[in-house]
Protein backbone atom coordinates (compact mmCIF):
# COMPACT_ATOMS: atom_id res chain seq x y z
CA MET A 1 154.92 121.18 220.44
CA ALA A 2 153.95 118.89 217.57
CA ARG A 3 151.99 121.69 215.88
CA GLU A 4 154.89 124.09 216.23
CA GLN A 5 157.21 121.54 214.66
CA PHE A 6 154.70 120.95 211.85
CA HIS A 7 154.48 124.65 210.98
CA THR A 8 158.26 125.04 211.23
CA GLU A 9 158.60 122.22 208.70
CA LEU A 10 156.01 123.89 206.46
CA LYS A 11 158.01 127.13 206.48
CA SER A 12 161.13 125.18 205.57
CA LEU A 13 159.26 123.51 202.72
CA GLU A 14 158.11 126.89 201.43
CA GLN A 15 161.72 128.06 201.25
CA GLU A 16 162.70 124.94 199.31
CA ILE A 17 159.83 125.48 196.89
CA LEU A 18 160.91 129.11 196.50
CA ARG A 19 164.45 127.90 195.75
CA MET A 20 163.14 125.44 193.17
CA GLY A 21 160.94 128.10 191.59
CA THR A 22 163.78 130.61 191.42
CA LEU A 23 165.94 128.04 189.64
CA VAL A 24 163.13 127.36 187.16
CA GLU A 25 162.68 131.08 186.56
CA GLU A 26 166.39 131.35 185.79
CA GLN A 27 166.22 128.30 183.53
CA ILE A 28 163.52 129.89 181.40
CA ALA A 29 165.49 133.11 180.94
CA ARG A 30 168.79 131.34 180.23
CA ALA A 31 167.21 128.91 177.76
CA VAL A 32 165.81 131.71 175.62
CA ASP A 33 169.00 133.72 176.01
CA SER A 34 170.97 130.73 174.71
CA LEU A 35 168.75 130.76 171.62
CA THR A 36 168.95 134.49 170.94
CA THR A 37 172.74 134.58 171.41
CA ARG A 38 173.34 131.12 169.89
CA ASP A 39 175.32 130.18 172.99
CA LEU A 40 175.59 126.40 172.97
CA LYS A 41 177.49 126.38 176.27
CA VAL A 42 174.62 128.10 178.08
CA ALA A 43 172.16 125.73 176.41
CA GLN A 44 174.12 122.75 177.69
CA GLN A 45 174.13 124.19 181.21
CA VAL A 46 170.35 124.66 181.12
CA ILE A 47 169.95 121.01 180.14
CA ALA A 48 172.34 119.87 182.89
CA ASP A 49 170.57 121.99 185.52
CA ASP A 50 167.30 120.21 184.79
CA ASP A 51 168.65 117.42 187.01
CA ARG A 52 168.93 119.90 189.89
CA VAL A 53 165.25 120.73 189.53
CA ASP A 54 164.37 117.03 189.42
CA ASP A 55 166.38 116.42 192.60
CA LEU A 56 164.61 119.28 194.38
CA GLU A 57 161.23 117.95 193.31
CA MET A 58 161.99 114.50 194.71
CA GLU A 59 163.33 115.89 197.98
CA ILE A 60 160.36 118.22 198.54
CA GLU A 61 157.96 115.43 197.63
CA ARG A 62 159.64 113.13 200.15
CA ARG A 63 159.33 115.75 202.88
CA CYS A 64 155.68 116.42 202.04
CA LEU A 65 154.79 112.73 202.18
CA THR A 66 156.63 112.39 205.49
CA LEU A 67 154.58 115.27 206.89
CA LEU A 68 151.36 113.69 205.70
CA ALA A 69 152.28 110.34 207.21
CA LEU A 70 153.55 111.58 210.57
CA GLN A 71 151.37 114.64 211.23
CA GLN A 72 148.13 113.68 209.45
CA PRO A 73 147.14 117.35 208.92
CA MET A 74 143.51 118.36 208.66
CA ALA A 75 141.60 120.92 206.58
CA GLY A 76 143.72 124.01 205.80
CA ASP A 77 147.03 122.42 206.73
CA LEU A 78 146.27 119.47 204.48
CA ARG A 79 145.60 121.86 201.59
CA VAL A 80 148.95 123.54 202.20
CA VAL A 81 150.85 120.25 201.90
CA SER A 82 148.84 119.00 198.93
CA THR A 83 149.33 122.37 197.19
CA ALA A 84 153.08 122.04 197.67
CA LEU A 85 152.99 118.66 195.93
CA LYS A 86 151.03 120.12 193.01
CA ILE A 87 153.26 123.19 192.69
CA ILE A 88 156.50 121.23 192.46
CA THR A 89 155.00 119.07 189.69
CA ASP A 90 154.21 122.17 187.62
CA LEU A 91 157.63 123.66 188.33
CA GLU A 92 159.33 120.44 187.20
CA ARG A 93 157.39 120.50 183.92
CA MET A 94 158.43 124.14 183.34
CA ALA A 95 162.07 123.15 183.79
CA ASP A 96 161.56 120.35 181.27
CA HIS A 97 160.27 122.87 178.73
CA ALA A 98 163.23 125.18 179.42
CA ALA A 99 165.48 122.20 178.63
CA ASP A 100 163.42 121.62 175.47
CA ILE A 101 164.19 125.19 174.38
CA ALA A 102 167.88 124.68 175.12
CA ASN A 103 167.79 121.54 172.99
CA VAL A 104 166.42 123.63 170.12
CA THR A 105 169.46 125.91 170.51
CA ARG A 106 171.71 122.87 170.22
CA ARG A 107 169.74 121.55 167.24
CA LEU A 108 170.05 124.81 165.31
CA GLY A 109 173.71 125.25 166.24
CA HIS A 110 175.25 128.40 164.83
CA GLU A 111 172.90 128.52 161.85
CA PRO A 112 171.95 132.17 161.16
CA LEU A 113 168.49 133.05 162.42
CA ILE A 114 165.84 133.59 159.77
CA LYS A 115 164.65 136.68 161.65
CA PRO A 116 165.62 138.69 164.72
CA LEU A 117 163.99 137.19 167.80
CA VAL A 118 161.76 139.81 169.41
CA ASP A 119 158.48 138.27 170.51
CA ILE A 120 159.98 134.99 171.75
CA PRO A 121 162.12 136.83 174.36
CA ARG A 122 159.03 138.87 175.25
CA MET A 123 157.08 135.67 175.82
CA ALA A 124 159.89 134.36 178.02
CA THR A 125 159.96 137.57 180.06
CA VAL A 126 156.22 137.43 180.72
CA ALA A 127 156.30 133.70 181.49
CA ALA A 128 159.21 134.08 183.94
CA HIS A 129 157.43 137.02 185.57
CA MET A 130 154.35 134.83 185.96
CA VAL A 131 156.43 132.24 187.79
CA ARG A 132 157.87 134.88 190.12
CA SER A 133 154.43 136.40 190.79
CA ALA A 134 152.93 132.97 191.46
CA LEU A 135 155.66 132.18 193.98
CA ASN A 136 155.16 135.54 195.70
CA ALA A 137 151.42 134.86 195.88
CA TYR A 138 152.13 131.42 197.32
CA ILE A 139 154.39 132.74 200.07
CA ALA A 140 152.02 135.63 200.87
CA ARG A 141 148.84 133.49 200.62
CA ASP A 142 147.56 136.30 198.38
CA VAL A 143 144.60 135.27 196.20
CA GLU A 144 144.33 138.63 194.42
CA MET A 145 148.01 138.50 193.47
CA ALA A 146 147.44 135.01 192.09
CA ARG A 147 144.47 136.21 190.05
CA ASP A 148 146.44 139.14 188.64
CA MET A 149 149.20 136.74 187.63
CA ILE A 150 146.75 134.41 185.87
CA ARG A 151 145.56 137.29 183.70
CA MET A 152 149.12 137.66 182.34
CA ASP A 153 148.53 134.43 180.42
CA ASP A 154 146.44 136.42 177.92
CA GLU A 155 149.56 138.36 176.88
CA VAL A 156 151.50 135.13 176.39
CA ASP A 157 148.67 133.74 174.24
CA ARG A 158 148.59 136.95 172.20
CA LEU A 159 152.34 136.80 171.56
CA TYR A 160 152.11 133.12 170.67
CA GLY A 161 149.44 133.84 168.06
CA GLN A 162 151.54 136.66 166.62
CA ILE A 163 154.66 134.46 166.40
CA PHE A 164 152.67 131.60 164.88
CA ARG A 165 151.24 133.81 162.10
CA GLU A 166 154.57 135.48 161.37
CA LEU A 167 156.51 132.23 161.09
CA LEU A 168 153.85 130.64 158.89
CA ASP A 169 154.10 133.64 156.58
CA ILE A 170 157.91 133.31 156.46
CA MET A 171 157.61 129.61 155.60
CA ARG A 172 155.16 130.34 152.78
CA GLN A 173 157.51 132.90 151.27
CA ASP A 174 160.74 130.94 151.76
CA PRO A 175 160.57 127.12 151.74
CA ASP A 176 164.22 126.99 152.87
CA SER A 177 163.15 128.52 156.17
CA VAL A 178 160.78 125.69 157.11
CA PHE A 179 163.31 123.71 159.17
CA GLN A 180 164.29 126.58 161.47
CA ALA A 181 160.86 128.17 161.55
CA THR A 182 159.37 124.88 162.74
CA TYR A 183 161.82 124.75 165.64
CA LEU A 184 161.07 128.37 166.54
CA LEU A 185 157.39 127.43 166.62
CA PHE A 186 158.32 124.66 169.02
CA VAL A 187 160.01 127.23 171.26
CA ALA A 188 156.94 129.48 171.26
CA ASN A 189 154.81 126.46 172.09
CA TYR A 190 157.09 125.49 174.99
CA LEU A 191 156.82 129.03 176.39
CA GLU A 192 153.03 128.95 176.04
CA ARG A 193 152.99 125.70 178.02
CA ILE A 194 155.26 127.22 180.69
CA ALA A 195 152.74 130.06 181.08
CA ASP A 196 149.95 127.49 181.41
CA HIS A 197 151.86 125.76 184.20
CA ALA A 198 152.41 129.13 185.88
CA THR A 199 148.66 129.68 185.64
CA ASN A 200 148.24 126.36 187.41
CA LEU A 201 150.42 127.68 190.24
CA GLY A 202 148.09 130.64 190.68
CA GLU A 203 145.09 128.35 190.76
CA TRP A 204 146.76 126.12 193.34
CA VAL A 205 147.35 129.20 195.50
CA GLN A 206 143.65 130.01 195.26
CA TYR A 207 142.81 126.44 196.24
CA MET A 208 145.20 126.50 199.17
CA VAL A 209 143.68 129.69 200.58
CA THR A 210 139.99 129.23 199.74
CA GLY A 211 139.54 125.50 199.22
CA ARG A 212 138.27 126.14 195.69
CA ARG A 213 140.11 125.81 192.40
CA LYS A 214 138.87 126.88 188.99
CA GLU A 215 138.49 123.99 186.56
CA ARG A 216 140.67 124.31 183.45
CA ARG A 217 140.20 122.83 180.01
CA GLY A 218 142.78 120.05 180.14
CA ALA A 219 146.21 120.11 181.72
CA PRO A 220 149.37 121.46 180.07
CA ALA A 221 151.83 118.83 178.97
C-alpha cells in the first residue's frame, strides 16, 4: 500500500512539473512576442507570472522533500525524486530569463527597433520547443528523445552567433544604435541560457533513466 501511494504521489508530481514547464514555455514565447510587438502590457504580465512559477517551484520542492523524508526511496525511485528537484530549478531559472526579456521590452518602451527581429524569435521558438521536448522525454522516460532535444542546442548557438555578429556590425556603422543593440544582445544571451537550461533537463532525464549524466562545462546562470 505504501508503495502504491508513493507512485501515485510521483505521478501527481509529474503533472505539477508538466504544468510548471508549460507555463515556462508560454513565458518564453510571450516575452519575445512582447518585444517584437512592443507590447508593454504583455511584458508586464510575463514579469508578474514569474511569481506563479516561483510558487510552483516551492510547492513541488516541498512535496519532493516530504516524499524523501517519509518514504525514503531507494535506487531508481530516489533518482526520480532528485531529478524532479533538479528540473524545477532549471525551469525556475528559465522563467527568470523570460522575465529578463520582458524587462528589456519595458526598458526600450515604444522606441522604434533598429532592425526587424527575425533570428531572436527563431531562437525563442527553438528554445521553447526544447523545453516541450524535454518535458515529453521526462514523462515518457525516453532517453533518445532527450538526446535529440539536446542536439537542438546547436541551432540556438548558431543563431546566437549570427545575432551577435549582426548587432556588432550595426553598432560599428551607427553609434546611435549602441543602446538598443546592447539590450537586444542581452535578449539573445537570455535565450541562449534558456536553451542551456533546457539541455540540462535532457541530461537530468538521462540521469533519471540510466543513473548517468554527462558532465557539462559549467552551469548556466
